[in-house]
Amino acid sequence: MRTKTAFQRKTGIILALDVADEDGTLKITAETADLVDAVKIGYPLILGTGLQIVSKLEKYAPVIADFKVADIPNTDRLICEHVFKAGCAAVIVQGFTGPDSLAECVKTANEFGGKVFVVSEMSHPGGDHFFTDGVSKEIAALAKKSGAFGIVAPATRPERVKELRAVIGNDLKIISPGVGAQGGSAADTIKAGADWVIVGRGIYSAENPRGEAMKVKAEIEELI
């Protein structure tokens, strides 16, 4: 079994749908679909609408399941199977659970033609409390060794994006949350080595979501 075609870099933008309203989510996704390379969903939306929302969203853009999977290998496998059977193109998992759990996530993703992104460091102010420099780099190195597709690195700390890029080289992709409401800059993050920036509230909470997405797209295009 395989998922639909995984996303590719076009605009460099991933829309984070951290909301629980189905109608509003589908409306914003439809308005911005041509401006983003993927949409990212998490527990708020899934708990509010059910996993079936994936089949509705994937008509507009590839879907990344931001479940930050972190459990024993067997449980990780079961979670990832549900994710990919639902039609997601990728899943975000934690790496601190160790190489065996991460390996199971990657193995399951490969069976479905999906991708795995590994959290190396989070974007909120406390995100580097336990994810220290050494830990983040060790997780990034583990992600590379495991065969993951990419890592998650914070747009709010572009210097960390640059350092983690040095760890993984060009073998893996980097997606970076924190642009917009958290204060991260799309331009600075891409310049630091990210492949995609993740924007949530800055787009979906705006009076004109499409207009805000176009601003981020223009900011990134200025770097080309």
N, C-alpha and C. Protein backbone atom coordinates (compact mmCIF):
# COMPACT_ATOMS: atom_id res chain seq x y z
N MET A 1 0.84 -1.20 0.00
CA MET A 1 0.00 0.00 0.00
C MET A 1 0.88 1.25 0.00
N ARG A 2 0.41 2.28 -0.71
CA ARG A 2 1.20 3.50 -0.79
C ARG A 2 0.27 4.70 -0.64
N THR A 3 0.83 5.76 -0.07
CA THR A 3 0.07 7.00 0.02
C THR A 3 0.12 7.70 -1.33
N LYS A 4 -0.60 8.80 -1.44
CA LYS A 4 -0.53 9.60 -2.66
C LYS A 4 0.84 10.27 -2.74
N THR A 5 1.15 10.86 -3.88
CA THR A 5 2.46 11.45 -4.11
C THR A 5 2.83 12.42 -3.00
N ALA A 6 4.02 12.28 -2.45
CA ALA A 6 4.49 13.15 -1.37
C ALA A 6 4.72 14.56 -1.91
N PHE A 7 4.70 15.50 -1.01
CA PHE A 7 4.85 16.90 -1.41
C PHE A 7 6.25 17.21 -1.93
N GLN A 8 6.34 18.23 -2.74
CA GLN A 8 7.61 18.70 -3.28
C GLN A 8 7.75 20.20 -3.04
N ARG A 9 8.98 20.67 -3.05
CA ARG A 9 9.24 22.09 -2.79
C ARG A 9 8.84 22.94 -4.00
N LYS A 10 7.90 23.84 -3.78
CA LYS A 10 7.50 24.82 -4.80
C LYS A 10 7.54 26.21 -4.21
N THR A 11 6.72 26.44 -3.19
CA THR A 11 6.70 27.75 -2.55
C THR A 11 7.54 27.80 -1.29
N GLY A 12 7.79 26.66 -0.68
CA GLY A 12 8.55 26.62 0.57
C GLY A 12 7.69 26.87 1.79
N ILE A 13 6.37 26.80 1.64
CA ILE A 13 5.46 27.08 2.74
C ILE A 13 4.63 25.84 3.09
N ILE A 14 4.53 25.56 4.38
CA ILE A 14 3.62 24.54 4.90
C ILE A 14 2.63 25.25 5.82
N LEU A 15 1.35 25.04 5.59
CA LEU A 15 0.31 25.67 6.40
C LEU A 15 -0.05 24.76 7.57
N ALA A 16 0.14 25.27 8.80
CA ALA A 16 -0.22 24.52 9.99
C ALA A 16 -1.66 24.81 10.36
N LEU A 17 -2.49 23.78 10.38
CA LEU A 17 -3.91 23.93 10.68
C LEU A 17 -4.18 23.50 12.11
N ASP A 18 -3.74 24.32 13.06
CA ASP A 18 -3.89 23.99 14.47
C ASP A 18 -5.23 24.49 15.00
N VAL A 19 -6.27 24.04 14.36
CA VAL A 19 -7.64 24.45 14.70
C VAL A 19 -8.51 23.19 14.79
N ALA A 20 -9.75 23.37 15.25
CA ALA A 20 -10.62 22.21 15.41
C ALA A 20 -11.92 22.32 14.63
N ASP A 21 -12.06 23.38 13.85
CA ASP A 21 -13.29 23.62 13.09
C ASP A 21 -13.13 23.11 11.66
N GLU A 22 -13.92 22.13 11.27
CA GLU A 22 -13.77 21.51 9.96
C GLU A 22 -14.10 22.47 8.83
N ASP A 23 -15.23 23.15 8.91
CA ASP A 23 -15.64 24.04 7.82
C ASP A 23 -14.63 25.16 7.60
N GLY A 24 -14.20 25.77 8.68
CA GLY A 24 -13.22 26.85 8.57
C GLY A 24 -11.89 26.36 8.03
N THR A 25 -11.49 25.16 8.47
CA THR A 25 -10.24 24.57 8.01
C THR A 25 -10.26 24.32 6.50
N LEU A 26 -11.33 23.73 6.02
CA LEU A 26 -11.44 23.43 4.60
C LEU A 26 -11.51 24.71 3.77
N LYS A 27 -12.15 25.72 4.30
CA LYS A 27 -12.26 26.99 3.59
C LYS A 27 -10.89 27.65 3.43
N ILE A 28 -10.13 27.71 4.51
CA ILE A 28 -8.80 28.32 4.47
C ILE A 28 -7.87 27.51 3.57
N THR A 29 -7.97 26.19 3.65
CA THR A 29 -7.12 25.34 2.82
C THR A 29 -7.42 25.55 1.34
N ALA A 30 -8.68 25.64 1.00
CA ALA A 30 -9.06 25.87 -0.39
C ALA A 30 -8.56 27.22 -0.90
N GLU A 31 -8.60 28.22 -0.03
CA GLU A 31 -8.18 29.57 -0.41
C GLU A 31 -6.67 29.68 -0.64
N THR A 32 -5.91 28.84 0.04
CA THR A 32 -4.45 28.97 0.01
C THR A 32 -3.73 27.80 -0.64
N ALA A 33 -4.45 26.82 -1.14
CA ALA A 33 -3.85 25.57 -1.62
C ALA A 33 -2.76 25.78 -2.66
N ASP A 34 -2.94 26.75 -3.55
CA ASP A 34 -1.93 26.97 -4.59
C ASP A 34 -0.71 27.72 -4.09
N LEU A 35 -0.75 28.16 -2.83
CA LEU A 35 0.35 28.94 -2.26
C LEU A 35 1.19 28.15 -1.26
N VAL A 36 0.75 26.93 -0.95
CA VAL A 36 1.47 26.11 0.02
C VAL A 36 1.84 24.76 -0.60
N ASP A 37 2.88 24.16 -0.06
CA ASP A 37 3.32 22.86 -0.56
C ASP A 37 2.70 21.69 0.20
N ALA A 38 2.18 21.97 1.39
CA ALA A 38 1.55 20.94 2.21
C ALA A 38 0.78 21.62 3.33
N VAL A 39 -0.10 20.85 3.97
CA VAL A 39 -0.75 21.32 5.18
C VAL A 39 -0.37 20.38 6.32
N LYS A 40 -0.24 20.93 7.51
CA LYS A 40 0.14 20.16 8.69
C LYS A 40 -1.02 20.16 9.67
N ILE A 41 -1.42 18.97 10.08
CA ILE A 41 -2.52 18.85 11.03
C ILE A 41 -2.02 18.22 12.32
N GLY A 42 -2.71 18.53 13.43
CA GLY A 42 -2.32 17.99 14.71
C GLY A 42 -3.51 17.48 15.49
N TYR A 43 -3.30 17.26 16.77
CA TYR A 43 -4.36 16.70 17.61
C TYR A 43 -5.60 17.58 17.72
N PRO A 44 -5.49 18.92 17.78
CA PRO A 44 -6.71 19.72 17.88
C PRO A 44 -7.70 19.42 16.75
N LEU A 45 -7.21 19.37 15.52
CA LEU A 45 -8.10 19.13 14.39
C LEU A 45 -8.62 17.69 14.37
N ILE A 46 -7.73 16.74 14.63
CA ILE A 46 -8.13 15.33 14.59
C ILE A 46 -9.12 15.01 15.71
N LEU A 47 -8.89 15.54 16.90
CA LEU A 47 -9.80 15.27 18.00
C LEU A 47 -11.13 15.98 17.81
N GLY A 48 -11.10 17.08 17.06
CA GLY A 48 -12.32 17.82 16.82
C GLY A 48 -13.15 17.31 15.66
N THR A 49 -12.50 16.69 14.69
CA THR A 49 -13.20 16.29 13.47
C THR A 49 -13.09 14.80 13.14
N GLY A 50 -12.06 14.14 13.64
CA GLY A 50 -11.82 12.76 13.29
C GLY A 50 -10.77 12.65 12.18
N LEU A 51 -10.16 11.49 12.06
CA LEU A 51 -9.09 11.28 11.09
C LEU A 51 -9.58 11.36 9.65
N GLN A 52 -10.89 11.26 9.45
CA GLN A 52 -11.43 11.34 8.09
C GLN A 52 -11.21 12.70 7.44
N ILE A 53 -10.85 13.70 8.22
CA ILE A 53 -10.58 15.03 7.65
C ILE A 53 -9.42 14.97 6.66
N VAL A 54 -8.54 13.98 6.82
CA VAL A 54 -7.38 13.85 5.93
C VAL A 54 -7.82 13.68 4.48
N SER A 55 -8.82 12.84 4.25
CA SER A 55 -9.28 12.58 2.88
C SER A 55 -9.85 13.84 2.23
N LYS A 56 -10.36 14.75 3.04
CA LYS A 56 -10.90 16.00 2.51
C LYS A 56 -9.80 17.01 2.24
N LEU A 57 -8.79 17.02 3.10
CA LEU A 57 -7.69 17.98 2.94
C LEU A 57 -6.74 17.60 1.81
N GLU A 58 -6.52 16.29 1.62
CA GLU A 58 -5.54 15.87 0.63
C GLU A 58 -5.98 16.17 -0.80
N LYS A 59 -7.24 16.56 -0.97
CA LYS A 59 -7.70 16.99 -2.28
C LYS A 59 -7.08 18.33 -2.66
N TYR A 60 -6.64 19.06 -1.64
CA TYR A 60 -6.05 20.38 -1.87
C TYR A 60 -4.53 20.37 -1.78
N ALA A 61 -3.98 19.58 -0.86
CA ALA A 61 -2.52 19.58 -0.65
C ALA A 61 -2.12 18.33 0.13
N PRO A 62 -0.87 17.89 0.00
CA PRO A 62 -0.39 16.78 0.80
C PRO A 62 -0.52 17.10 2.29
N VAL A 63 -0.77 16.09 3.09
CA VAL A 63 -1.03 16.29 4.52
C VAL A 63 0.09 15.69 5.37
N ILE A 64 0.58 16.49 6.30
CA ILE A 64 1.58 16.04 7.27
C ILE A 64 0.88 15.87 8.61
N ALA A 65 0.97 14.69 9.22
CA ALA A 65 0.37 14.44 10.52
C ALA A 65 1.38 14.80 11.61
N ASP A 66 1.12 15.90 12.29
CA ASP A 66 2.02 16.35 13.36
C ASP A 66 1.55 15.75 14.68
N PHE A 67 1.84 14.46 14.86
CA PHE A 67 1.42 13.76 16.07
C PHE A 67 2.58 13.61 17.05
N LYS A 68 3.76 14.02 16.63
CA LYS A 68 4.95 13.92 17.49
C LYS A 68 4.98 12.55 18.19
N VAL A 69 4.91 11.53 17.37
CA VAL A 69 4.81 10.15 17.84
C VAL A 69 5.99 9.82 18.75
N ALA A 70 5.69 9.32 19.96
CA ALA A 70 6.75 9.06 20.94
C ALA A 70 6.33 7.91 21.86
N ASP A 71 6.59 6.69 21.43
CA ASP A 71 6.18 5.54 22.25
C ASP A 71 7.09 4.36 21.95
N ILE A 72 6.71 3.19 22.43
CA ILE A 72 7.50 2.00 22.14
C ILE A 72 7.31 1.64 20.66
N PRO A 73 8.21 0.87 20.09
CA PRO A 73 8.14 0.57 18.66
C PRO A 73 6.80 0.05 18.17
N ASN A 74 6.19 -0.90 18.89
CA ASN A 74 4.93 -1.47 18.42
C ASN A 74 3.82 -0.42 18.39
N THR A 75 3.73 0.40 19.40
CA THR A 75 2.70 1.44 19.43
C THR A 75 2.96 2.47 18.34
N ASP A 76 4.22 2.83 18.14
CA ASP A 76 4.57 3.75 17.07
C ASP A 76 4.13 3.21 15.71
N ARG A 77 4.34 1.91 15.51
CA ARG A 77 3.95 1.30 14.24
C ARG A 77 2.44 1.41 14.02
N LEU A 78 1.68 1.13 15.07
CA LEU A 78 0.22 1.18 14.96
C LEU A 78 -0.27 2.60 14.65
N ILE A 79 0.33 3.58 15.31
CA ILE A 79 -0.04 4.98 15.06
C ILE A 79 0.28 5.36 13.62
N CYS A 80 1.48 5.03 13.18
CA CYS A 80 1.91 5.40 11.83
C CYS A 80 1.07 4.70 10.76
N GLU A 81 0.67 3.47 11.03
CA GLU A 81 -0.19 2.77 10.08
C GLU A 81 -1.51 3.51 9.89
N HIS A 82 -2.10 3.95 10.97
CA HIS A 82 -3.35 4.71 10.88
C HIS A 82 -3.14 6.01 10.10
N VAL A 83 -2.03 6.66 10.37
CA VAL A 83 -1.72 7.93 9.69
C VAL A 83 -1.66 7.74 8.18
N PHE A 84 -0.92 6.75 7.75
CA PHE A 84 -0.71 6.58 6.32
C PHE A 84 -1.92 5.93 5.63
N LYS A 85 -2.62 5.08 6.32
CA LYS A 85 -3.84 4.52 5.75
C LYS A 85 -4.88 5.61 5.52
N ALA A 86 -4.85 6.63 6.34
CA ALA A 86 -5.79 7.74 6.20
C ALA A 86 -5.46 8.62 5.00
N GLY A 87 -4.21 8.49 4.48
CA GLY A 87 -3.83 9.25 3.30
C GLY A 87 -2.79 10.32 3.52
N CYS A 88 -2.22 10.37 4.73
CA CYS A 88 -1.18 11.38 5.00
C CYS A 88 0.08 11.07 4.20
N ALA A 89 0.77 12.14 3.80
CA ALA A 89 2.02 11.99 3.06
C ALA A 89 3.22 11.85 3.98
N ALA A 90 3.09 12.36 5.21
CA ALA A 90 4.21 12.33 6.14
C ALA A 90 3.71 12.39 7.57
N VAL A 91 4.58 12.00 8.50
CA VAL A 91 4.26 12.06 9.92
C VAL A 91 5.45 12.66 10.65
N ILE A 92 5.17 13.42 11.69
CA ILE A 92 6.23 13.99 12.53
C ILE A 92 6.32 13.14 13.79
N VAL A 93 7.54 12.72 14.12
CA VAL A 93 7.76 11.86 15.28
C VAL A 93 8.87 12.44 16.15
N GLN A 94 8.96 11.94 17.38
CA GLN A 94 10.05 12.31 18.27
C GLN A 94 11.20 11.33 18.11
N GLY A 95 12.41 11.82 18.36
CA GLY A 95 13.57 10.96 18.27
C GLY A 95 14.13 10.55 19.61
N PHE A 96 13.68 11.20 20.71
CA PHE A 96 14.24 10.91 22.02
C PHE A 96 13.84 9.54 22.55
N THR A 97 12.87 8.89 21.90
CA THR A 97 12.46 7.55 22.32
C THR A 97 13.50 6.49 21.94
N GLY A 98 14.47 6.87 21.11
CA GLY A 98 15.55 5.96 20.80
C GLY A 98 15.52 5.39 19.39
N PRO A 99 16.62 4.76 18.99
CA PRO A 99 16.75 4.28 17.61
C PRO A 99 15.76 3.21 17.22
N ASP A 100 15.34 2.34 18.15
CA ASP A 100 14.42 1.27 17.78
C ASP A 100 13.02 1.81 17.48
N SER A 101 12.56 2.75 18.29
CA SER A 101 11.25 3.35 18.02
C SER A 101 11.27 4.14 16.73
N LEU A 102 12.31 4.91 16.52
CA LEU A 102 12.41 5.71 15.30
C LEU A 102 12.51 4.81 14.08
N ALA A 103 13.27 3.75 14.18
CA ALA A 103 13.42 2.81 13.06
C ALA A 103 12.08 2.21 12.67
N GLU A 104 11.23 1.93 13.65
CA GLU A 104 9.91 1.36 13.37
C GLU A 104 9.03 2.35 12.63
N CYS A 105 9.14 3.63 13.00
CA CYS A 105 8.37 4.68 12.31
C CYS A 105 8.80 4.78 10.86
N VAL A 106 10.10 4.78 10.64
CA VAL A 106 10.63 4.89 9.28
C VAL A 106 10.26 3.67 8.46
N LYS A 107 10.37 2.50 9.06
CA LYS A 107 10.01 1.26 8.36
C LYS A 107 8.55 1.28 7.93
N THR A 108 7.67 1.68 8.84
CA THR A 108 6.25 1.73 8.53
C THR A 108 5.96 2.75 7.44
N ALA A 109 6.60 3.91 7.53
CA ALA A 109 6.42 4.93 6.50
C ALA A 109 6.83 4.41 5.14
N ASN A 110 7.95 3.72 5.09
CA ASN A 110 8.45 3.19 3.82
C ASN A 110 7.47 2.19 3.22
N GLU A 111 6.80 1.42 4.06
CA GLU A 111 5.84 0.43 3.57
C GLU A 111 4.66 1.10 2.86
N PHE A 112 4.37 2.34 3.25
CA PHE A 112 3.24 3.06 2.67
C PHE A 112 3.68 4.15 1.69
N GLY A 113 4.98 4.25 1.44
CA GLY A 113 5.48 5.30 0.56
C GLY A 113 5.42 6.67 1.20
N GLY A 114 5.39 6.72 2.54
CA GLY A 114 5.31 7.99 3.25
C GLY A 114 6.67 8.47 3.74
N LYS A 115 6.65 9.62 4.41
CA LYS A 115 7.88 10.24 4.90
C LYS A 115 7.81 10.46 6.40
N VAL A 116 8.98 10.53 7.03
CA VAL A 116 9.08 10.79 8.46
C VAL A 116 9.95 12.02 8.71
N PHE A 117 9.41 12.95 9.49
CA PHE A 117 10.18 14.08 9.99
C PHE A 117 10.40 13.88 11.48
N VAL A 118 11.62 14.12 11.95
CA VAL A 118 11.97 13.91 13.35
C VAL A 118 12.20 15.25 14.04
N VAL A 119 11.55 15.46 15.16
CA VAL A 119 11.71 16.70 15.92
C VAL A 119 13.12 16.74 16.52
N SER A 120 13.90 17.72 16.10
CA SER A 120 15.23 17.89 16.68
C SER A 120 15.21 18.96 17.76
N GLU A 121 14.32 19.94 17.58
CA GLU A 121 14.19 21.02 18.57
C GLU A 121 12.89 21.76 18.28
N MET A 122 12.17 22.15 19.35
CA MET A 122 10.88 22.82 19.17
C MET A 122 11.06 24.34 19.17
N SER A 123 10.00 25.04 18.74
CA SER A 123 10.14 26.47 18.44
C SER A 123 9.72 27.41 19.55
N HIS A 124 8.99 26.93 20.55
CA HIS A 124 8.53 27.83 21.62
C HIS A 124 9.69 28.19 22.55
N PRO A 125 9.52 29.22 23.41
CA PRO A 125 10.62 29.68 24.26
C PRO A 125 11.27 28.59 25.11
N GLY A 126 10.46 27.65 25.59
CA GLY A 126 11.03 26.57 26.40
C GLY A 126 11.51 25.38 25.60
N GLY A 127 11.49 25.52 24.28
CA GLY A 127 11.82 24.39 23.41
C GLY A 127 13.25 23.92 23.47
N ASP A 128 14.14 24.77 24.02
CA ASP A 128 15.54 24.36 24.13
C ASP A 128 15.94 24.04 25.57
N HIS A 129 14.93 23.89 26.46
CA HIS A 129 15.23 23.59 27.86
C HIS A 129 15.83 22.19 28.01
N PHE A 130 15.19 21.22 27.39
CA PHE A 130 15.71 19.85 27.40
C PHE A 130 16.39 19.51 26.07
N PHE A 131 15.91 20.14 24.98
CA PHE A 131 16.55 19.94 23.69
C PHE A 131 17.77 20.86 23.61
N THR A 132 18.78 20.55 24.40
CA THR A 132 19.99 21.36 24.40
C THR A 132 20.76 21.16 23.10
N ASP A 133 21.80 21.94 22.92
CA ASP A 133 22.59 21.87 21.69
C ASP A 133 23.04 20.44 21.39
N GLY A 134 23.59 19.78 22.41
CA GLY A 134 24.08 18.43 22.20
C GLY A 134 22.99 17.44 21.90
N VAL A 135 21.88 17.54 22.61
CA VAL A 135 20.76 16.63 22.41
C VAL A 135 20.15 16.82 21.02
N SER A 136 19.94 18.07 20.63
CA SER A 136 19.34 18.35 19.32
C SER A 136 20.20 17.79 18.20
N LYS A 137 21.49 17.98 18.30
CA LYS A 137 22.39 17.49 17.27
C LYS A 137 22.44 15.97 17.25
N GLU A 138 22.36 15.36 18.43
CA GLU A 138 22.37 13.89 18.49
C GLU A 138 21.10 13.33 17.85
N ILE A 139 19.96 13.97 18.10
CA ILE A 139 18.70 13.52 17.49
C ILE A 139 18.74 13.72 15.98
N ALA A 140 19.29 14.84 15.54
CA ALA A 140 19.41 15.08 14.10
C ALA A 140 20.28 14.02 13.43
N ALA A 141 21.37 13.67 14.09
CA ALA A 141 22.26 12.64 13.56
C ALA A 141 21.55 11.29 13.52
N LEU A 142 20.74 11.01 14.56
CA LEU A 142 19.99 9.76 14.58
C LEU A 142 18.95 9.72 13.46
N ALA A 143 18.33 10.88 13.20
CA ALA A 143 17.35 10.96 12.12
C ALA A 143 18.00 10.61 10.79
N LYS A 144 19.19 11.13 10.59
CA LYS A 144 19.92 10.85 9.35
C LYS A 144 20.27 9.37 9.24
N LYS A 145 20.75 8.80 10.33
CA LYS A 145 21.15 7.40 10.34
C LYS A 145 19.95 6.48 10.12
N SER A 146 18.78 6.89 10.61
CA SER A 146 17.59 6.04 10.54
C SER A 146 16.97 6.00 9.15
N GLY A 147 17.34 6.96 8.30
CA GLY A 147 16.74 7.02 6.98
C GLY A 147 15.50 7.88 6.92
N ALA A 148 15.31 8.72 7.94
CA ALA A 148 14.16 9.65 7.94
C ALA A 148 14.29 10.61 6.77
N PHE A 149 13.17 11.22 6.39
CA PHE A 149 13.15 12.16 5.28
C PHE A 149 13.66 13.53 5.69
N GLY A 150 13.45 13.89 6.96
CA GLY A 150 13.89 15.21 7.39
C GLY A 150 13.74 15.41 8.88
N ILE A 151 14.05 16.63 9.33
CA ILE A 151 13.95 16.98 10.74
C ILE A 151 13.12 18.25 10.89
N VAL A 152 12.71 18.50 12.12
CA VAL A 152 12.02 19.74 12.49
C VAL A 152 12.99 20.59 13.28
N ALA A 153 13.21 21.83 12.83
CA ALA A 153 14.12 22.75 13.52
C ALA A 153 13.44 24.11 13.64
N PRO A 154 13.73 24.87 14.71
CA PRO A 154 12.96 26.07 15.03
C PRO A 154 13.27 27.31 14.20
N ALA A 155 12.23 27.86 13.57
CA ALA A 155 12.38 29.12 12.83
C ALA A 155 12.63 30.29 13.78
N THR A 156 12.25 30.10 15.05
CA THR A 156 12.46 31.15 16.04
C THR A 156 13.92 31.26 16.46
N ARG A 157 14.72 30.28 16.10
CA ARG A 157 16.16 30.30 16.37
C ARG A 157 16.91 29.86 15.11
N PRO A 158 16.98 30.74 14.11
CA PRO A 158 17.57 30.36 12.83
C PRO A 158 19.02 29.90 12.94
N GLU A 159 19.72 30.37 13.97
CA GLU A 159 21.10 29.90 14.15
C GLU A 159 21.13 28.41 14.43
N ARG A 160 20.07 27.89 15.07
CA ARG A 160 20.00 26.47 15.33
C ARG A 160 19.70 25.71 14.04
N VAL A 161 18.89 26.30 13.18
CA VAL A 161 18.62 25.68 11.88
C VAL A 161 19.94 25.49 11.13
N LYS A 162 20.76 26.53 11.16
CA LYS A 162 22.04 26.47 10.46
C LYS A 162 22.94 25.39 11.04
N GLU A 163 22.99 25.30 12.37
CA GLU A 163 23.84 24.30 13.03
C GLU A 163 23.34 22.88 12.76
N LEU A 164 22.04 22.70 12.76
CA LEU A 164 21.49 21.37 12.51
C LEU A 164 21.62 20.97 11.05
N ARG A 165 21.58 21.95 10.16
CA ARG A 165 21.83 21.67 8.74
C ARG A 165 23.25 21.12 8.57
N ALA A 166 24.18 21.66 9.34
CA ALA A 166 25.56 21.19 9.25
C ALA A 166 25.67 19.73 9.70
N VAL A 167 24.82 19.33 10.62
CA VAL A 167 24.85 17.96 11.13
C VAL A 167 24.32 16.97 10.08
N ILE A 168 23.22 17.32 9.44
CA ILE A 168 22.57 16.38 8.52
C ILE A 168 23.03 16.54 7.07
N GLY A 169 23.75 17.63 6.78
CA GLY A 169 24.17 17.88 5.40
C GLY A 169 22.96 18.11 4.51
N ASN A 170 23.08 17.71 3.26
CA ASN A 170 21.99 17.90 2.31
C ASN A 170 21.17 16.63 2.11
N ASP A 171 21.42 15.62 2.94
CA ASP A 171 20.72 14.35 2.79
C ASP A 171 19.27 14.41 3.26
N LEU A 172 19.00 15.25 4.25
CA LEU A 172 17.66 15.35 4.81
C LEU A 172 17.07 16.74 4.58
N LYS A 173 15.76 16.83 4.68
CA LYS A 173 15.05 18.10 4.55
C LYS A 173 14.83 18.70 5.94
N ILE A 174 14.62 20.01 5.99
CA ILE A 174 14.30 20.69 7.24
C ILE A 174 13.00 21.45 7.08
N ILE A 175 12.06 21.19 8.00
CA ILE A 175 10.85 22.00 8.08
C ILE A 175 10.92 22.78 9.39
N SER A 176 10.53 24.05 9.35
CA SER A 176 10.75 24.93 10.50
C SER A 176 9.47 25.65 10.93
N PRO A 177 8.95 25.31 12.10
CA PRO A 177 7.79 26.00 12.64
C PRO A 177 8.21 27.26 13.39
N GLY A 178 7.23 28.16 13.58
CA GLY A 178 7.50 29.35 14.38
C GLY A 178 7.50 30.65 13.61
N VAL A 179 7.22 30.59 12.31
CA VAL A 179 7.15 31.81 11.51
C VAL A 179 5.81 32.49 11.75
N GLY A 180 5.84 33.79 11.96
CA GLY A 180 4.58 34.53 12.14
C GLY A 180 4.31 34.83 13.59
N ALA A 181 3.31 34.17 14.17
CA ALA A 181 2.86 34.47 15.53
C ALA A 181 3.95 34.28 16.58
N GLN A 182 4.85 33.33 16.36
CA GLN A 182 5.93 33.09 17.31
C GLN A 182 7.14 33.99 17.06
N GLY A 183 7.10 34.75 15.99
CA GLY A 183 8.16 35.73 15.76
C GLY A 183 9.24 35.33 14.77
N GLY A 184 9.21 34.13 14.25
CA GLY A 184 10.22 33.70 13.30
C GLY A 184 10.06 34.36 11.94
N SER A 185 11.18 34.53 11.24
CA SER A 185 11.19 35.15 9.91
C SER A 185 11.34 34.07 8.84
N ALA A 186 10.47 34.10 7.85
CA ALA A 186 10.57 33.13 6.76
C ALA A 186 11.90 33.27 6.03
N ALA A 187 12.29 34.49 5.72
CA ALA A 187 13.53 34.73 4.98
C ALA A 187 14.74 34.25 5.76
N ASP A 188 14.81 34.61 7.04
CA ASP A 188 15.96 34.21 7.86
C ASP A 188 16.05 32.70 7.99
N THR A 189 14.91 32.06 8.09
CA THR A 189 14.89 30.60 8.27
C THR A 189 15.33 29.87 7.01
N ILE A 190 14.85 30.31 5.88
CA ILE A 190 15.26 29.70 4.61
C ILE A 190 16.75 29.94 4.37
N LYS A 191 17.20 31.14 4.66
CA LYS A 191 18.63 31.45 4.49
C LYS A 191 19.49 30.59 5.41
N ALA A 192 18.96 30.22 6.56
CA ALA A 192 19.72 29.40 7.51
C ALA A 192 19.81 27.95 7.09
N GLY A 193 18.98 27.54 6.12
CA GLY A 193 19.08 26.18 5.62
C GLY A 193 17.81 25.36 5.62
N ALA A 194 16.69 25.96 6.01
CA ALA A 194 15.41 25.22 5.99
C ALA A 194 14.90 25.08 4.56
N ASP A 195 14.20 24.00 4.32
CA ASP A 195 13.57 23.79 3.01
C ASP A 195 12.16 24.35 3.00
N TRP A 196 11.48 24.25 4.14
CA TRP A 196 10.13 24.77 4.27
C TRP A 196 9.97 25.51 5.59
N VAL A 197 9.19 26.56 5.58
CA VAL A 197 8.77 27.19 6.83
C VAL A 197 7.33 26.79 7.09
N ILE A 198 6.99 26.64 8.36
CA ILE A 198 5.64 26.27 8.76
C ILE A 198 4.97 27.50 9.36
N VAL A 199 3.85 27.88 8.78
CA VAL A 199 3.12 29.06 9.25
C VAL A 199 1.70 28.64 9.62
N GLY A 200 1.27 28.97 10.83
CA GLY A 200 -0.06 28.61 11.28
C GLY A 200 -0.93 29.81 11.53
N ARG A 201 -0.91 30.33 12.77
CA ARG A 201 -1.78 31.43 13.16
C ARG A 201 -1.63 32.66 12.28
N GLY A 202 -0.41 32.89 11.80
CA GLY A 202 -0.17 34.06 10.95
C GLY A 202 -1.02 34.04 9.69
N ILE A 203 -1.42 32.85 9.26
CA ILE A 203 -2.27 32.71 8.08
C ILE A 203 -3.72 32.44 8.47
N TYR A 204 -3.96 31.36 9.25
CA TYR A 204 -5.36 30.97 9.47
C TYR A 204 -6.13 31.90 10.40
N SER A 205 -5.41 32.71 11.20
CA SER A 205 -6.11 33.66 12.07
C SER A 205 -6.26 35.04 11.45
N ALA A 206 -5.69 35.22 10.27
CA ALA A 206 -5.73 36.53 9.60
C ALA A 206 -7.10 36.77 8.98
N GLU A 207 -7.46 38.05 8.84
CA GLU A 207 -8.70 38.41 8.17
C GLU A 207 -8.66 37.99 6.70
N ASN A 208 -7.45 37.99 6.15
CA ASN A 208 -7.26 37.61 4.75
C ASN A 208 -6.16 36.54 4.68
N PRO A 209 -6.49 35.28 4.95
CA PRO A 209 -5.49 34.21 4.96
C PRO A 209 -4.69 34.13 3.66
N ARG A 210 -5.37 34.26 2.53
CA ARG A 210 -4.67 34.18 1.25
C ARG A 210 -3.65 35.30 1.11
N GLY A 211 -4.06 36.49 1.53
CA GLY A 211 -3.15 37.63 1.45
C GLY A 211 -1.90 37.42 2.29
N GLU A 212 -2.08 36.87 3.48
CA GLU A 212 -0.93 36.62 4.35
C GLU A 212 -0.02 35.54 3.76
N ALA A 213 -0.61 34.51 3.18
CA ALA A 213 0.19 33.46 2.55
C ALA A 213 0.99 34.03 1.37
N MET A 214 0.39 34.95 0.64
CA MET A 214 1.08 35.57 -0.48
C MET A 214 2.26 36.40 0.00
N LYS A 215 2.12 37.04 1.18
CA LYS A 215 3.22 37.83 1.73
C LYS A 215 4.42 36.93 2.08
N VAL A 216 4.12 35.79 2.68
CA VAL A 216 5.20 34.85 3.03
C VAL A 216 5.86 34.31 1.77
N LYS A 217 5.07 33.99 0.78
CA LYS A 217 5.59 33.50 -0.49
C LYS A 217 6.51 34.53 -1.13
N ALA A 218 6.09 35.79 -1.11
CA ALA A 218 6.90 36.86 -1.70
C ALA A 218 8.21 37.04 -0.94
N GLU A 219 8.15 36.92 0.37
CA GLU A 219 9.36 37.05 1.20
C GLU A 219 10.39 35.98 0.84
N ILE A 220 9.90 34.76 0.62
CA ILE A 220 10.80 33.68 0.25
C ILE A 220 11.33 33.86 -1.17
N GLU A 221 10.48 34.31 -2.05
CA GLU A 221 10.89 34.49 -3.46
C GLU A 221 11.96 35.55 -3.62
N GLU A 222 12.03 36.51 -2.71
CA GLU A 222 13.05 37.54 -2.77
C GLU A 222 14.45 36.97 -2.59
N LEU A 223 14.52 35.77 -2.01
CA LEU A 223 15.82 35.14 -1.77
C LEU A 223 16.35 34.42 -3.01
N ILE A 224 15.47 34.18 -3.97
CA ILE A 224 15.85 33.41 -5.18
C ILE A 224 16.60 34.29 -6.17
